[in-house]
Amino acid sequence: RKSGLRAAAKAQIEREEYMLERLNEFAQRAAKKEIPDLKDKEHIRVLMLLGVAHTKLYHELTRKKEDVRRSFSTSPFVYSYFAEALRREWFGLGREISDEFVARTFLETVINREVFPKLSLITDQSSLVIHFIRRIVERLDMNDARSVFVQLKKEEDITIEALSAIAAGFLKKKGIIMPKSEKELMRVLNIKSPKDMQDK
């Protein structure tokens, strides 16, 4: 539901506000030489490893004229439907989240339970896995979402195992076969070499 996506976006915003508060607090303490290990340093750089959905944090720091740089594991980066939905909410584009988009976000969440763990065994590039899942979901429609939803309603207790089983059955029915190696995964995504995965 759109309300669920809005709630998730709100939770993420609160997390980022907390990060900014702690970062500002750190900067103030460092400026006052209150941190012993840093008191003799003239310039301090902070490295933050965040998921790609946290681009709003980057924009907030840029707006404050901070010297901020960011990089992605692949370029161009392909966002998941869920991350894209959150970004649309953050940047005031919630009206652009259609019912079909919500349905695909739902399908992505279910399929993710089956695909992500298995493909993580053949690659440590999570961006490739996200791209592959997106490639699957963008070919699905509202009828597929209804079909999976009906199966979920039949479950008395929706566990991770139940989601994985439903996702596996759905993918098999659709004739979707997962790559057996990173090389095969890259071929499916039309990524010809590791150079294609570097930042540009």
Protein backbone atom coordinates (compact mmCIF):
# COMPACT_ATOMS: atom_id res chain seq x y z
CA ARG A 1 0.00 0.00 0.00
CA LYS A 2 1.04 3.60 -0.56
CA SER A 3 0.49 4.28 3.14
CA GLY A 4 3.06 1.61 3.95
CA LEU A 5 5.61 3.22 1.64
CA ARG A 6 4.95 6.61 3.18
CA ALA A 7 5.45 5.16 6.66
CA ALA A 8 8.74 3.60 5.55
CA ALA A 9 9.86 6.89 4.03
CA LYS A 10 9.01 8.71 7.26
CA ALA A 11 11.04 6.20 9.28
CA GLN A 12 14.01 6.65 6.97
CA ILE A 13 13.77 10.43 7.25
CA GLU A 14 13.84 10.13 11.04
CA ARG A 15 16.93 7.92 10.81
CA GLU A 16 18.69 10.44 8.60
CA GLU A 17 17.75 13.32 10.89
CA TYR A 18 19.32 11.37 13.75
CA MET A 19 22.49 10.82 11.66
CA LEU A 20 22.69 14.54 10.90
CA GLU A 21 22.26 15.44 14.58
CA ARG A 22 25.06 13.08 15.60
CA LEU A 23 27.27 14.31 12.75
CA ASN A 24 26.72 17.94 13.75
CA GLU A 25 27.42 17.06 17.36
CA PHE A 26 30.66 15.36 16.34
CA ALA A 27 31.72 18.36 14.22
CA GLN A 28 31.08 20.77 17.10
CA ARG A 29 33.05 18.64 19.57
CA ALA A 30 35.92 18.27 17.11
CA ALA A 31 35.98 22.04 16.50
CA LYS A 32 36.22 22.64 20.25
CA LYS A 33 39.08 20.11 20.52
CA GLU A 34 36.99 17.96 22.86
CA ILE A 35 38.02 14.70 21.19
CA PRO A 36 41.57 13.82 22.38
CA ASP A 37 42.54 11.71 19.36
CA LEU A 38 41.55 14.48 16.96
CA LYS A 39 42.54 17.66 18.78
CA ASP A 40 45.82 18.07 16.84
CA LYS A 41 44.25 17.50 13.43
CA GLU A 42 43.58 20.54 11.30
CA HIS A 43 41.31 18.79 8.81
CA ILE A 44 39.01 15.89 9.64
CA ARG A 45 37.34 13.69 7.07
CA VAL A 46 34.39 11.45 7.87
CA LEU A 47 33.71 8.28 5.89
CA MET A 48 30.12 7.08 5.94
CA LEU A 49 29.10 3.79 4.37
CA LEU A 50 25.39 4.06 3.63
CA GLY A 51 22.88 2.33 1.42
CA VAL A 52 21.98 4.00 -1.87
CA ALA A 53 18.55 4.94 -0.54
CA HIS A 54 20.18 7.57 1.68
CA THR A 55 20.78 10.14 -1.07
CA LYS A 56 18.66 12.67 0.84
CA LEU A 57 21.37 12.80 3.51
CA TYR A 58 23.89 13.71 0.83
CA HIS A 59 21.65 16.50 -0.47
CA GLU A 60 21.11 17.86 3.04
CA LEU A 61 24.86 18.06 3.67
CA THR A 62 25.40 19.68 0.28
CA ARG A 63 22.71 22.24 1.06
CA LYS A 64 24.66 23.14 4.21
CA LYS A 65 27.72 23.84 2.05
CA GLU A 66 29.61 20.87 3.43
CA ASP A 67 32.41 19.40 1.33
CA VAL A 68 30.68 16.12 0.48
CA ARG A 69 31.43 13.48 -2.10
CA ARG A 70 29.68 10.23 -2.86
CA SER A 71 30.25 7.17 -4.99
CA PHE A 72 28.20 4.19 -6.13
CA SER A 73 29.35 0.63 -6.65
CA THR A 74 28.05 0.72 -10.22
CA SER A 75 27.39 3.48 -12.68
CA PRO A 76 24.70 4.13 -13.67
CA PHE A 77 23.13 2.69 -10.53
CA VAL A 78 19.81 0.85 -10.82
CA TYR A 79 17.57 1.47 -7.80
CA SER A 80 15.18 -1.11 -6.46
CA TYR A 81 11.49 -0.21 -6.72
CA PHE A 82 11.35 0.15 -2.95
CA ALA A 83 14.32 2.55 -2.80
CA GLU A 84 12.90 4.53 -5.72
CA ALA A 85 9.54 4.80 -3.97
CA LEU A 86 11.22 6.14 -0.83
CA ARG A 87 13.16 8.68 -2.86
CA ARG A 88 9.98 9.88 -4.54
CA GLU A 89 8.38 10.39 -1.14
CA TRP A 90 11.43 12.20 0.24
CA PHE A 91 11.65 14.61 -2.65
CA GLY A 92 7.94 15.36 -2.73
CA LEU A 93 7.09 13.17 -5.69
CA GLY A 94 4.72 10.83 -3.88
CA ARG A 95 1.97 11.63 -6.33
CA GLU A 96 3.98 9.80 -8.97
CA ILE A 97 3.72 6.47 -7.16
CA SER A 98 1.00 4.68 -9.11
CA ASP A 99 -0.89 1.56 -8.05
CA GLU A 100 1.18 -0.42 -10.55
CA PHE A 101 4.38 0.92 -8.98
CA VAL A 102 3.17 -0.15 -5.53
CA ALA A 103 2.31 -3.60 -6.93
CA ARG A 104 5.82 -3.96 -8.32
CA THR A 105 7.31 -2.88 -5.01
CA PHE A 106 5.25 -5.61 -3.33
CA LEU A 107 6.38 -8.23 -5.86
CA GLU A 108 9.97 -7.11 -5.46
CA THR A 109 9.76 -7.55 -1.67
CA VAL A 110 8.48 -11.11 -2.03
CA ILE A 111 10.87 -12.14 -4.81
CA ASN A 112 13.78 -10.61 -2.92
CA ARG A 113 13.39 -13.24 -0.18
CA GLU A 114 14.21 -16.01 -2.63
CA VAL A 115 16.57 -14.37 -5.10
CA PHE A 116 18.85 -12.23 -2.93
CA PRO A 117 20.16 -15.00 -0.63
CA LYS A 118 20.88 -17.32 -3.57
CA LEU A 119 22.56 -14.79 -5.82
CA SER A 120 24.61 -13.52 -2.90
CA LEU A 121 26.33 -16.91 -3.02
CA ILE A 122 27.72 -16.21 -6.48
CA THR A 123 28.51 -12.47 -6.18
CA ASP A 124 29.37 -9.95 -3.49
CA GLN A 125 28.06 -7.14 -5.70
CA SER A 126 24.64 -6.45 -4.17
CA SER A 127 24.00 -3.85 -6.87
CA LEU A 128 24.03 -6.64 -9.46
CA VAL A 129 21.46 -8.61 -7.48
CA ILE A 130 19.23 -5.55 -7.12
CA HIS A 131 19.53 -4.93 -10.87
CA PHE A 132 18.59 -8.55 -11.63
CA ILE A 133 15.53 -8.46 -9.34
CA ARG A 134 14.44 -5.18 -10.90
CA ARG A 135 14.83 -6.76 -14.36
CA ILE A 136 12.43 -9.53 -13.29
CA VAL A 137 9.86 -7.28 -11.66
CA GLU A 138 9.65 -4.72 -14.46
CA ARG A 139 8.24 -7.47 -16.68
CA LEU A 140 5.42 -8.27 -14.22
CA ASP A 141 2.03 -6.60 -13.81
CA MET A 142 -0.96 -6.14 -11.50
CA ASN A 143 -2.28 -9.64 -12.22
CA ASP A 144 1.00 -11.13 -11.01
CA ALA A 145 0.76 -9.06 -7.83
CA ARG A 146 -2.80 -10.24 -7.23
CA SER A 147 -1.75 -13.87 -7.76
CA VAL A 148 1.07 -13.65 -5.22
CA PHE A 149 -1.12 -11.72 -2.77
CA VAL A 150 -3.78 -14.45 -2.91
CA GLN A 151 -1.14 -17.06 -2.08
CA LEU A 152 0.10 -15.00 0.85
CA LYS A 153 -3.44 -14.66 2.24
CA LYS A 154 -3.68 -18.43 2.40
CA GLU A 155 -0.76 -18.56 4.83
CA GLU A 156 -1.71 -18.61 8.50
CA ASP A 157 1.75 -17.43 9.49
CA ILE A 158 3.76 -15.46 6.91
CA THR A 159 7.33 -16.44 7.72
CA ILE A 160 10.50 -15.85 5.72
CA GLU A 161 10.38 -19.50 4.73
CA ALA A 162 6.81 -19.10 3.47
CA LEU A 163 7.76 -16.02 1.44
CA SER A 164 10.72 -17.84 -0.07
CA ALA A 165 8.56 -20.84 -1.00
CA ILE A 166 5.91 -18.64 -2.63
CA ALA A 167 8.58 -16.65 -4.48
CA ALA A 168 10.30 -19.85 -5.68
CA GLY A 169 7.02 -21.29 -6.95
CA PHE A 170 6.12 -18.04 -8.68
CA LEU A 171 9.51 -17.73 -10.39
CA LYS A 172 9.34 -21.34 -11.55
CA LYS A 173 5.86 -20.77 -12.96
CA LYS A 174 7.17 -17.75 -14.86
CA GLY A 175 10.08 -19.76 -16.22
CA ILE A 176 12.68 -17.55 -14.56
CA ILE A 177 15.99 -19.29 -13.98
CA MET A 178 18.61 -17.70 -11.76
CA PRO A 179 22.21 -17.36 -13.01
CA LYS A 180 24.68 -19.92 -11.69
CA SER A 181 27.72 -17.62 -11.66
CA GLU A 182 28.64 -13.95 -11.49
CA LYS A 183 29.80 -14.11 -15.10
CA GLU A 184 26.40 -15.44 -16.18
CA LEU A 185 24.65 -12.79 -14.07
CA MET A 186 26.69 -10.04 -15.72
CA ARG A 187 25.85 -11.46 -19.15
CA VAL A 188 22.12 -11.44 -18.35
CA LEU A 189 22.40 -7.79 -17.28
CA ASN A 190 24.46 -6.96 -20.38
CA ILE A 191 27.48 -5.97 -18.32
CA LYS A 192 30.42 -7.06 -20.44
CA SER A 193 33.32 -6.61 -18.03
CA PRO A 194 34.17 -5.43 -14.50
CA LYS A 195 35.09 -2.05 -16.02
CA ASP A 196 31.37 -1.50 -16.75
CA MET A 197 30.76 -1.66 -12.99
CA GLN A 198 33.14 1.11 -12.05
CA ASP A 199 32.13 4.67 -11.22
CA LYS A 200 32.20 7.02 -14.16
